[in-house]
Amino acid sequence: MVTRTVDLRSDTVTKPTETMRVAMSNAEVDDDVLGRDPSCFRLEKEMAKITGKEAGLFVPSGTMGNLISVLVHCDIRGSEVILGDNSHIHIYENGGIATIGGVHPRTVRNNEDGTMDIHLIEAAIRDPMGELVFPTTRLICLENSHGNTGGRCLSVEYTDRVGEVAKKHGLKLHIDGARIFNASVALGVSVDRLVRAADSVSVCLSKGLGAPVGSVIVGSNSFITKARRLRKTLGGGMRQVGILCAAALVALQENVEKLESDHKKARFLADGLNEIKGLRVNTSSVETNMVYIEIEESLQTTAAKLSKDLGEYGILLMPISSSRLRVVLHYQISDSDVQFVLSRFQHVVGGGPYEKGN
C-alpha cells in the first residue's frame, strides 16, 4: 500500500498553495476578452516589467504562447522558422506552427548544452535570391532553459550573438522561455538581460513557478496587439481569467526565490543516483531542476519497468526512452522526499538500503 507519493514527473504537477487559493478566491475579475480584467492586467504588466518588454498577454498554455508568437512573426503562410531539432516547439507541440500556421520548420542540430552552432543557424537562413523555390526565413527560435538537453541554460552572450545574426538578416528572435526563471537563477543573470535580444518571449507560469495554469507572452505593443487577435482566433480568449492570474502573481512573489533550492536538490539527487550501481547521471549537465538517468545494460531492465517498480513505492517519474528516465524537481519536493527517492532507487535497483558512499 502506497503511503507516500513523491511526484517527479514534471514541475507542472505542483498543486496551488493555500496562499494561491486565497488569492484566487478574492481575485478582482472582469471580462479579459474585453480587456477589462484587472488581475490579468496586473500580471501582464508585471511580466512585461520583469522581461523588459513593452507589453504582455496571458494565454492558457505555453504551447499556445509559442504558436501565437511564431504566427505573429511569420504572418505569411509559407514562411520559415529556424529552430532546434530537439526543441519543445519542434517535438512536443503537435506541429502546430505547420498545421495551423502554414509555417515551415527548418531545424538545426541542438548541441548537448541546448545551443545551436551560430554558423549553422546562419547557414540555414534562406538566400533571398531563391524566393521562387525556397520558403522565406522570418524567425529564429531558442529555448531557455532547454528541456530536452536536461534543463541546460543558454548564456546571455550566446543569446546576444543569435540576436545579432537575426538583426543582420532582418529576422525576428523568439525565446521559448518556459523555464526562463530557472535559467535566470542558475546563471545569476536577470530575466530582462537574458531576453534582451529577443523580440518575443513565452514564459510559463505552471512549471517552475508553480502556478496552476497559463503562460504570458511578452513583446512590443504592436506584437501584443496582433497576438491578442490571434489568441481569440485560437480560442484562447477567456472571461474572468483573473482567478488564474491571481495565483500566478502569488507565484511570482513567493516561488522565484525557491528555484535555487530546487536546483540544489536536483544536484544532490543526481550525485546520489550516480553512486547507485547500474545507474548513470551526467552530473555536470544538471544546471537547473532536471535530472536525466541512464540505465546501464547490466541492470537488465527498462525505463518503463523501473518506473513501474518505483511507482509501487509512490515515486512517480517519466520514462523517455527504453533506457532513460527523467525526473524534475519543484518547490513541493522536500529534502526528505529526495532522501526517500534515493533509498527507494537503491532498494529497487540494488536490493538493499541506500547509503551515501556505497
Protein backbone atom coordinates (compact mmCIF):
# COMPACT_ATOMS: atom_id res chain seq x y z
CA MET A 1 0.00 0.00 0.00
CA VAL A 2 1.42 3.40 -1.03
CA THR A 3 1.59 5.71 1.99
CA ARG A 4 3.75 8.45 0.43
CA THR A 5 3.78 9.98 -3.03
CA VAL A 6 6.74 11.86 -4.48
CA ASP A 7 5.78 13.18 -7.90
CA LEU A 8 8.82 13.85 -10.06
CA ARG A 9 7.15 13.56 -13.45
CA SER A 10 7.39 17.30 -14.08
CA ASP A 11 7.32 20.69 -12.37
CA THR A 12 3.83 21.05 -13.89
CA VAL A 13 2.34 18.75 -11.22
CA THR A 14 2.51 21.24 -8.35
CA LYS A 15 -0.74 21.98 -6.54
CA PRO A 16 -1.89 25.53 -5.70
CA THR A 17 -0.72 26.63 -2.26
CA GLU A 18 -3.14 27.92 0.33
CA THR A 19 -1.94 31.45 -0.40
CA MET A 20 -2.73 30.95 -4.07
CA ARG A 21 -6.17 29.57 -3.30
CA VAL A 22 -6.98 32.55 -1.10
CA ALA A 23 -5.78 34.94 -3.80
CA MET A 24 -7.90 33.14 -6.40
CA SER A 25 -10.94 33.29 -4.15
CA ASN A 26 -10.51 37.01 -3.59
CA ALA A 27 -9.38 37.95 -7.10
CA GLU A 28 -10.80 41.08 -8.66
CA VAL A 29 -12.07 40.00 -12.09
CA ASP A 30 -13.80 41.18 -15.25
CA ASP A 31 -14.02 40.08 -18.89
CA ASP A 32 -10.50 39.70 -20.27
CA VAL A 33 -11.69 39.33 -23.87
CA LEU A 34 -12.91 42.90 -23.48
CA GLY A 35 -9.56 43.80 -21.91
CA ARG A 36 -11.12 44.66 -18.56
CA ASP A 37 -9.83 42.03 -16.11
CA PRO A 38 -7.76 43.96 -13.53
CA SER A 39 -5.92 40.93 -12.10
CA CYS A 40 -4.91 39.84 -15.58
CA PHE A 41 -3.77 43.36 -16.41
CA ARG A 42 -1.56 43.41 -13.29
CA LEU A 43 0.03 40.09 -14.19
CA GLU A 44 0.71 41.10 -17.79
CA LYS A 45 2.18 44.42 -16.69
CA GLU A 46 4.38 42.75 -14.10
CA MET A 47 5.70 40.14 -16.54
CA ALA A 48 6.43 42.82 -19.14
CA LYS A 49 8.40 44.73 -16.49
CA ILE A 50 10.35 41.63 -15.41
CA THR A 51 11.28 40.76 -19.00
CA GLY A 52 12.00 44.33 -20.07
CA LYS A 53 9.35 44.32 -22.80
CA GLU A 54 6.58 46.79 -23.58
CA ALA A 55 3.56 44.56 -23.04
CA GLY A 56 2.34 41.10 -22.13
CA LEU A 57 -0.57 38.78 -22.88
CA PHE A 58 -1.90 35.93 -20.74
CA VAL A 59 -2.51 32.69 -22.65
CA PRO A 60 -3.83 29.33 -21.42
CA SER A 61 -0.64 27.38 -22.20
CA GLY A 62 2.96 27.61 -23.31
CA THR A 63 2.10 25.73 -26.48
CA MET A 64 -0.42 28.41 -27.42
CA GLY A 65 2.05 31.11 -26.43
CA ASN A 66 4.73 29.74 -28.74
CA LEU A 67 2.22 29.16 -31.55
CA ILE A 68 0.88 32.71 -31.35
CA SER A 69 4.40 34.15 -31.24
CA VAL A 70 5.54 32.22 -34.30
CA LEU A 71 2.38 33.12 -36.22
CA VAL A 72 2.71 36.82 -35.45
CA HIS A 73 6.29 36.91 -36.68
CA CYS A 74 5.58 34.61 -39.64
CA ASP A 75 2.36 36.22 -40.79
CA ILE A 76 2.61 35.00 -44.37
CA ARG A 77 1.89 31.31 -44.99
CA GLY A 78 4.94 29.55 -46.33
CA SER A 79 7.29 31.49 -44.06
CA GLU A 80 10.09 29.56 -42.39
CA VAL A 81 11.36 29.42 -38.82
CA ILE A 82 14.80 28.19 -37.77
CA LEU A 83 14.72 26.17 -34.56
CA GLY A 84 16.47 23.33 -32.78
CA ASP A 85 15.83 19.75 -33.85
CA ASN A 86 15.44 18.84 -30.17
CA SER A 87 13.34 21.84 -29.18
CA HIS A 88 9.96 21.79 -27.48
CA ILE A 89 8.28 23.73 -30.28
CA HIS A 90 9.50 21.24 -32.87
CA ILE A 91 8.86 18.00 -30.96
CA TYR A 92 6.12 18.49 -28.38
CA GLU A 93 3.66 21.00 -29.80
CA ASN A 94 1.79 18.83 -32.31
CA GLY A 95 3.40 20.52 -35.30
CA GLY A 96 1.02 23.41 -34.74
CA ILE A 97 3.18 26.02 -36.46
CA ALA A 98 2.89 23.99 -39.67
CA THR A 99 -0.61 22.55 -39.44
CA ILE A 100 -2.30 25.71 -38.19
CA GLY A 101 0.04 28.48 -39.30
CA GLY A 102 1.47 27.12 -42.52
CA VAL A 103 4.96 27.89 -41.18
CA HIS A 104 7.78 25.64 -42.33
CA PRO A 105 10.24 24.45 -39.62
CA ARG A 106 13.90 24.39 -40.65
CA THR A 107 15.78 22.51 -37.97
CA VAL A 108 19.37 22.95 -36.83
CA ARG A 109 21.00 20.35 -34.60
CA ASN A 110 20.86 21.11 -30.90
CA ASN A 111 24.13 20.56 -29.07
CA GLU A 112 24.25 18.82 -25.70
CA ASP A 113 24.09 22.20 -23.97
CA GLY A 114 20.93 23.25 -25.82
CA THR A 115 22.66 25.66 -28.18
CA MET A 116 22.75 25.57 -31.95
CA ASP A 117 26.05 26.43 -33.62
CA ILE A 118 25.93 30.04 -34.76
CA HIS A 119 27.40 29.24 -38.17
CA LEU A 120 24.76 26.55 -38.72
CA ILE A 121 21.97 28.97 -37.83
CA GLU A 122 23.33 31.48 -40.31
CA ALA A 123 23.79 28.80 -42.95
CA ALA A 124 20.14 27.78 -42.55
CA ILE A 125 18.86 31.24 -43.47
CA ARG A 126 17.44 31.08 -46.99
CA ASP A 127 19.03 33.02 -49.80
CA PRO A 128 16.56 35.75 -50.83
CA MET A 129 17.62 35.12 -54.42
CA GLY A 130 15.91 31.74 -54.17
CA GLU A 131 12.49 33.15 -53.30
CA LEU A 132 10.93 31.38 -56.26
CA VAL A 133 11.66 27.95 -54.77
CA PHE A 134 12.51 28.46 -51.08
CA PRO A 135 10.36 29.37 -48.10
CA THR A 136 11.19 32.82 -46.72
CA THR A 137 13.10 32.78 -43.44
CA ARG A 138 11.46 35.16 -40.97
CA LEU A 139 12.23 33.89 -37.47
CA ILE A 140 14.75 32.14 -35.21
CA CYS A 141 13.59 30.35 -32.06
CA LEU A 142 15.64 29.50 -28.97
CA GLU A 143 14.64 27.63 -25.80
CA ASN A 144 15.93 28.64 -22.36
CA SER A 145 16.31 26.62 -20.25
CA HIS A 146 16.43 23.78 -22.77
CA GLY A 147 14.26 20.91 -21.60
CA ASN A 148 15.34 18.03 -23.81
CA THR A 149 19.01 18.57 -23.02
CA GLY A 150 18.36 18.36 -19.29
CA GLY A 151 17.38 21.90 -18.40
CA ARG A 152 20.61 23.43 -19.71
CA CYS A 153 20.88 27.21 -19.76
CA LEU A 154 21.70 29.43 -22.72
CA SER A 155 24.10 32.18 -21.72
CA VAL A 156 23.34 35.82 -22.30
CA GLU A 157 26.41 36.02 -24.55
CA TYR A 158 25.11 33.22 -26.76
CA THR A 159 21.61 34.67 -26.94
CA ASP A 160 23.01 38.08 -27.85
CA ARG A 161 25.04 36.52 -30.67
CA VAL A 162 21.93 34.84 -32.09
CA GLY A 163 20.12 38.16 -31.79
CA GLU A 164 22.88 39.82 -33.80
CA VAL A 165 22.51 37.20 -36.54
CA ALA A 166 18.75 37.78 -36.60
CA LYS A 167 19.15 41.55 -36.93
CA LYS A 168 21.85 41.20 -39.58
CA HIS A 169 19.43 39.26 -41.78
CA GLY A 170 16.26 41.18 -40.91
CA LEU A 171 14.77 38.33 -38.88
CA LYS A 172 12.94 38.18 -35.56
CA LEU A 173 14.03 36.20 -32.50
CA HIS A 174 11.58 34.36 -30.24
CA ILE A 175 12.59 32.66 -26.99
CA ASP A 176 10.59 29.77 -25.62
CA GLY A 177 11.23 30.77 -22.03
CA ALA A 178 9.01 28.18 -20.38
CA ARG A 179 11.64 27.91 -17.62
CA ILE A 180 13.43 31.23 -18.14
CA PHE A 181 13.30 31.94 -14.40
CA ASN A 182 15.21 28.71 -13.77
CA ALA A 183 17.84 29.83 -16.25
CA SER A 184 17.99 33.28 -14.67
CA VAL A 185 18.56 31.88 -11.18
CA ALA A 186 21.09 29.28 -12.35
CA LEU A 187 23.13 31.81 -14.34
CA GLY A 188 22.79 34.67 -11.87
CA VAL A 189 21.53 36.92 -14.66
CA SER A 190 18.28 38.89 -14.55
CA VAL A 191 15.46 37.73 -16.79
CA ASP A 192 15.30 41.02 -18.67
CA ARG A 193 19.00 40.78 -19.53
CA LEU A 194 18.71 37.15 -20.63
CA VAL A 195 15.96 38.02 -23.14
CA ARG A 196 17.09 41.48 -24.19
CA ALA A 197 17.93 40.31 -27.72
CA ALA A 198 14.51 38.68 -28.21
CA ASP A 199 11.55 40.23 -29.99
CA SER A 200 9.18 38.00 -28.06
CA VAL A 201 9.29 35.55 -25.16
CA SER A 202 6.85 32.95 -23.87
CA VAL A 203 7.07 32.46 -20.08
CA CYS A 204 5.32 29.53 -18.43
CA LEU A 205 3.61 30.12 -15.09
CA SER A 206 2.77 26.50 -14.28
CA LYS A 207 6.24 24.93 -14.40
CA GLY A 208 8.98 26.07 -12.01
CA LEU A 209 6.90 28.98 -10.76
CA GLY A 210 4.20 26.59 -9.59
CA ALA A 211 1.04 28.46 -10.61
CA PRO A 212 -1.84 26.20 -11.68
CA VAL A 213 -2.45 27.43 -15.25
CA GLY A 214 -1.10 29.59 -18.02
CA SER A 215 1.75 31.43 -19.67
CA VAL A 216 2.45 35.05 -20.57
CA ILE A 217 3.92 36.11 -23.88
CA VAL A 218 5.74 39.44 -24.00
CA GLY A 219 6.99 41.75 -26.72
CA SER A 220 6.37 45.15 -28.24
CA ASN A 221 2.98 46.85 -28.07
CA SER A 222 2.37 46.14 -31.76
CA PHE A 223 3.35 42.48 -31.30
CA ILE A 224 0.91 42.04 -28.41
CA THR A 225 -1.91 43.76 -30.35
CA LYS A 226 -1.53 41.17 -33.11
CA ALA A 227 -1.09 38.37 -30.57
CA ARG A 228 -4.33 39.29 -28.79
CA ARG A 229 -6.27 38.90 -32.02
CA LEU A 230 -4.64 35.54 -32.73
CA ARG A 231 -5.37 34.37 -29.20
CA LYS A 232 -9.06 34.98 -29.83
CA THR A 233 -8.86 33.14 -33.17
CA LEU A 234 -7.33 30.11 -31.44
CA GLY A 235 -9.95 30.05 -28.70
CA GLY A 236 -7.62 31.35 -26.01
CA GLY A 237 -9.62 34.43 -25.12
CA MET A 238 -11.24 33.84 -21.74
CA ARG A 239 -13.53 35.77 -19.47
CA GLN A 240 -12.82 36.15 -15.73
CA VAL A 241 -9.27 34.88 -16.12
CA GLY A 242 -8.10 36.97 -13.17
CA ILE A 243 -8.88 33.99 -10.94
CA LEU A 244 -5.92 32.23 -12.58
CA CYS A 245 -3.75 35.32 -12.80
CA ALA A 246 -4.11 35.95 -9.07
CA ALA A 247 -2.40 32.63 -8.37
CA ALA A 248 0.33 33.47 -10.87
CA LEU A 249 1.01 36.79 -9.12
CA VAL A 250 1.49 34.88 -5.86
CA ALA A 251 3.86 32.51 -7.66
CA LEU A 252 5.98 35.43 -8.87
CA GLN A 253 6.10 36.88 -5.36
CA GLU A 254 6.80 33.68 -3.45
CA ASN A 255 8.30 30.99 -5.66
CA VAL A 256 11.07 32.55 -7.74
CA GLU A 257 13.31 32.59 -4.69
CA LYS A 258 12.67 28.85 -4.19
CA LEU A 259 14.13 27.87 -7.57
CA GLU A 260 17.70 27.85 -6.27
CA SER A 261 16.67 25.26 -3.69
CA ASP A 262 15.09 23.15 -6.44
CA HIS A 263 18.39 23.24 -8.33
CA LYS A 264 20.38 22.22 -5.25
CA LYS A 265 18.06 19.29 -4.59
CA ALA A 266 18.39 18.22 -8.23
CA ARG A 267 22.19 18.18 -7.93
CA PHE A 268 22.02 16.29 -4.63
CA LEU A 269 19.68 13.73 -6.19
CA ALA A 270 21.92 13.41 -9.25
CA ASP A 271 25.01 12.81 -7.10
CA GLY A 272 23.19 10.17 -5.07
CA LEU A 273 21.81 8.36 -8.11
CA ASN A 274 25.27 8.31 -9.66
CA GLU A 275 26.51 6.28 -6.69
CA ILE A 276 23.97 3.51 -7.34
CA LYS A 277 25.45 0.73 -9.44
CA GLY A 278 23.71 0.39 -12.77
CA LEU A 279 22.57 3.99 -12.97
CA ARG A 280 24.45 6.81 -14.66
CA VAL A 281 23.83 10.55 -14.45
CA ASN A 282 25.91 13.20 -16.17
CA THR A 283 26.05 15.40 -13.09
CA SER A 284 27.85 18.21 -14.90
CA SER A 285 24.74 18.72 -17.05
CA VAL A 286 22.44 19.26 -14.04
CA GLU A 287 22.20 23.03 -14.13
CA THR A 288 18.60 23.60 -13.08
CA ASN A 289 15.81 21.34 -11.83
CA MET A 290 16.06 18.37 -14.21
CA VAL A 291 17.91 15.08 -13.87
CA TYR A 292 18.23 12.54 -16.69
CA ILE A 293 19.05 9.00 -15.62
CA GLU A 294 20.67 6.43 -17.92
CA ILE A 295 20.01 2.76 -17.13
CA GLU A 296 23.03 0.61 -17.87
CA GLU A 297 22.63 -2.72 -19.66
CA SER A 298 23.95 -4.57 -16.62
CA LEU A 299 20.67 -3.92 -14.81
CA GLN A 300 18.77 -5.88 -17.44
CA THR A 301 15.69 -3.73 -17.04
CA THR A 302 13.92 -0.98 -18.93
CA ALA A 303 12.95 2.54 -18.00
CA ALA A 304 9.29 1.55 -18.15
CA LYS A 305 9.83 -1.40 -15.80
CA LEU A 306 11.93 0.62 -13.36
CA SER A 307 9.33 3.39 -13.41
CA LYS A 308 6.60 0.86 -12.65
CA ASP A 309 8.58 -0.68 -9.80
CA LEU A 310 9.27 2.72 -8.24
CA GLY A 311 5.62 3.65 -8.71
CA GLU A 312 4.72 0.87 -6.28
CA TYR A 313 6.53 2.90 -3.62
CA GLY A 314 4.74 6.12 -4.62
CA ILE A 315 7.59 7.55 -6.69
CA LEU A 316 6.30 8.92 -9.97
CA LEU A 317 8.72 9.72 -12.78
CA MET A 318 8.81 9.79 -16.55
CA PRO A 319 10.43 7.22 -18.88
CA ILE A 320 11.58 9.00 -22.05
CA SER A 321 13.18 6.06 -23.83
CA SER A 322 13.78 2.37 -23.20
CA SER A 323 16.85 3.16 -21.10
CA ARG A 324 16.34 6.72 -19.91
CA LEU A 325 14.31 8.35 -17.15
CA ARG A 326 13.62 12.00 -16.41
CA VAL A 327 12.94 13.48 -13.02
CA VAL A 328 12.06 17.11 -12.38
CA LEU A 329 12.34 18.84 -9.03
CA HIS A 330 9.97 21.56 -7.85
CA TYR A 331 9.31 23.51 -4.68
CA GLN A 332 6.84 20.94 -3.33
CA ILE A 333 9.59 18.31 -3.16
CA SER A 334 11.32 18.36 0.22
CA ASP A 335 14.80 17.28 1.29
CA SER A 336 13.15 14.30 2.95
CA ASP A 337 11.44 13.41 -0.33
CA VAL A 338 14.80 13.39 -2.10
CA GLN A 339 16.31 11.07 0.52
CA PHE A 340 13.26 8.80 0.23
CA VAL A 341 13.63 8.66 -3.56
CA LEU A 342 17.31 7.71 -3.27
CA SER A 343 16.53 4.98 -0.75
CA ARG A 344 13.82 3.50 -2.96
CA PHE A 345 16.02 3.62 -6.07
CA GLN A 346 18.74 1.76 -4.15
CA HIS A 347 16.22 -0.79 -2.92
CA VAL A 348 14.67 -1.42 -6.34
CA VAL A 349 17.92 -1.38 -8.30
CA GLY A 350 20.32 -2.92 -5.80
CA GLY A 351 18.09 -4.82 -3.44
CA GLY A 352 19.42 -3.01 -0.38
CA PRO A 353 19.24 0.27 1.53
CA TYR A 354 20.73 3.44 0.14
CA GLU A 355 23.84 4.63 1.93
CA LYS A 356 25.81 7.60 0.68
CA GLY A 357 29.23 6.41 -0.39
CA ASN A 358 28.11 2.90 -1.47
